[in-house]
């Protein structure tokens, strides 16, 4: 997406970037938690540098 979280998370987990992006979109559309989780992971990514 915008902040590079999907790419960072795929490197950490060894998953496909596209699958993680789809999971975030589904999380936003269905559960409403994808955006909040994305922002939390972005903060974790920034703090782990």
Protein backbone atom coordinates (compact mmCIF):
# COMPACT_ATOMS: atom_id res chain seq x y z
CA UNK A 1 0.00 0.00 0.00
CA UNK A 2 1.33 3.42 0.81
CA UNK A 3 3.72 3.12 3.75
CA UNK A 4 5.56 -0.08 2.80
CA UNK A 5 4.07 -2.19 5.58
CA UNK A 6 3.01 -5.05 3.31
CA UNK A 7 6.46 -5.40 1.83
CA UNK A 8 8.12 -5.21 5.27
CA UNK A 9 5.70 -7.76 6.72
CA UNK A 10 6.18 -10.15 3.80
CA UNK A 11 9.93 -10.08 4.40
CA UNK A 12 9.43 -10.83 8.10
CA UNK A 13 6.90 -13.65 7.57
CA UNK A 14 8.11 -15.03 4.25
CA UNK A 15 4.66 -14.64 2.71
CA UNK A 16 3.65 -13.27 -0.68
CA UNK A 17 3.23 -9.46 -0.74
CA UNK A 18 0.05 -9.73 -2.79
CA UNK A 19 -1.56 -12.07 -0.24
CA UNK A 20 -0.81 -9.63 2.57
CA UNK A 21 -2.23 -6.69 0.60
CA UNK A 22 -5.38 -8.65 -0.16
CA UNK A 23 -5.70 -9.56 3.53
CA UNK A 24 -5.50 -5.87 4.50
CA UNK A 25 -8.15 -4.91 1.93
CA UNK A 26 -10.45 -7.71 3.07
CA UNK A 27 -9.86 -6.65 6.66
CA UNK A 28 -10.91 -3.11 5.87
CA UNK A 29 -13.95 -4.03 3.80
CA UNK A 30 -15.35 -6.88 5.89
CA UNK A 31 -14.09 -6.52 9.43
CA UNK A 32 -13.10 -2.85 9.60
CA UNK A 33 -9.80 -3.64 11.33
CA UNK A 34 -7.37 -3.62 8.43
CA UNK A 35 -6.63 0.10 8.54
CA UNK A 36 -6.00 0.17 12.28
CA UNK A 37 -3.79 -2.90 12.05
CA UNK A 38 -1.92 -1.34 9.12
CA UNK A 39 -1.20 1.81 11.14
CA UNK A 40 -0.07 -0.18 14.18
CA UNK A 41 2.28 -2.25 12.02
CA UNK A 42 3.62 0.93 10.43
CA UNK A 43 4.49 2.27 13.89
CA UNK A 44 6.18 -1.04 14.77
CA UNK A 45 8.12 -0.89 11.50
CA UNK A 46 9.30 2.66 12.23
CA UNK A 47 10.37 1.77 15.77
CA UNK A 48 12.26 -1.34 14.66
CA UNK A 49 14.70 0.57 12.44
